[in-house]
């Protein structure tokens, strides 16, 4: 069963990464995770810990607060 909030967060991660013009491979290298894991995150197939989300938003150069505001979450 898909969790709507997880899908929203995952979609926002992908959107922000694409807006920055960064490939999934480049981004996964930047935040030091496996590219396949990054793909699972962006598809909403992984339930993120708050620490992983923090690592991701840091890599996107956005604060957690701004991330949630931008996504209207």
Protein backbone atom coordinates (compact mmCIF):
# COMPACT_ATOMS: atom_id res chain seq x y z
CA UNK A 1 0.00 0.00 0.00
CA UNK A 2 1.38 3.38 -0.98
CA UNK A 3 1.52 6.05 1.67
CA UNK A 4 0.38 9.43 0.23
CA UNK A 5 2.76 11.47 2.39
CA UNK A 6 5.73 9.32 1.40
CA UNK A 7 4.82 9.72 -2.27
CA UNK A 8 4.56 13.52 -1.85
CA UNK A 9 7.96 13.68 -0.15
CA UNK A 10 9.56 11.42 -2.74
CA UNK A 11 8.12 13.44 -5.63
CA UNK A 12 9.34 16.67 -4.08
CA UNK A 13 12.86 15.27 -3.67
CA UNK A 14 12.91 14.32 -7.36
CA UNK A 15 11.45 17.68 -8.42
CA UNK A 16 14.03 19.67 -6.45
CA UNK A 17 16.89 17.51 -7.73
CA UNK A 18 15.77 18.03 -11.32
CA UNK A 19 15.37 21.79 -10.76
CA UNK A 20 19.00 21.84 -9.67
CA UNK A 21 19.96 20.02 -12.87
CA UNK A 22 21.58 17.15 -11.00
CA UNK A 23 21.37 13.57 -12.24
CA UNK A 24 20.32 10.87 -9.83
CA UNK A 25 23.80 9.39 -10.04
CA UNK A 26 25.48 12.74 -9.27
CA UNK A 27 23.10 13.37 -6.41
CA UNK A 28 23.57 9.95 -4.85
CA UNK A 29 27.34 10.47 -5.02
CA UNK A 30 26.96 13.93 -3.46
CA UNK A 31 25.02 12.64 -0.45
CA UNK A 32 26.97 9.37 -0.33
CA UNK A 33 24.22 6.82 -0.91
CA UNK A 34 23.86 4.10 -3.51
CA UNK A 35 22.19 5.24 -6.74
CA UNK A 36 19.70 2.36 -6.56
CA UNK A 37 18.74 3.46 -3.05
CA UNK A 38 18.26 7.02 -4.34
CA UNK A 39 15.99 5.65 -7.06
CA UNK A 40 13.90 3.75 -4.50
CA UNK A 41 13.59 6.92 -2.42
CA UNK A 42 12.38 8.96 -5.40
CA UNK A 43 9.83 6.29 -6.32
CA UNK A 44 8.46 6.27 -2.79
CA UNK A 45 9.57 2.68 -2.21
CA UNK A 46 11.64 3.53 0.88
CA UNK A 47 10.31 4.92 4.12
CA UNK A 48 12.86 7.60 5.01
CA UNK A 49 14.26 8.26 8.43
CA UNK A 50 14.41 11.89 9.48
CA UNK A 51 18.21 11.64 9.38
CA UNK A 52 18.16 10.47 5.75
CA UNK A 53 15.72 13.23 4.84
CA UNK A 54 18.04 15.76 6.48
CA UNK A 55 20.97 14.39 4.45
CA UNK A 56 18.89 14.70 1.27
CA UNK A 57 17.72 18.27 1.90
CA UNK A 58 21.27 19.29 2.81
CA UNK A 59 22.36 17.89 -0.55
CA UNK A 60 19.61 19.91 -2.22
CA UNK A 61 20.80 23.00 -0.34
CA UNK A 62 17.43 23.63 1.30
CA UNK A 63 16.39 23.60 4.95
CA UNK A 64 13.93 21.04 6.28
CA UNK A 65 11.49 23.86 7.03
CA UNK A 66 11.71 25.21 3.48
CA UNK A 67 11.43 21.70 2.06
CA UNK A 68 8.13 21.15 3.87
CA UNK A 69 6.88 24.65 2.96
CA UNK A 70 7.74 24.18 -0.70
CA UNK A 71 5.90 20.88 -0.79
CA UNK A 72 2.99 22.28 1.23
CA UNK A 73 3.35 19.28 3.52
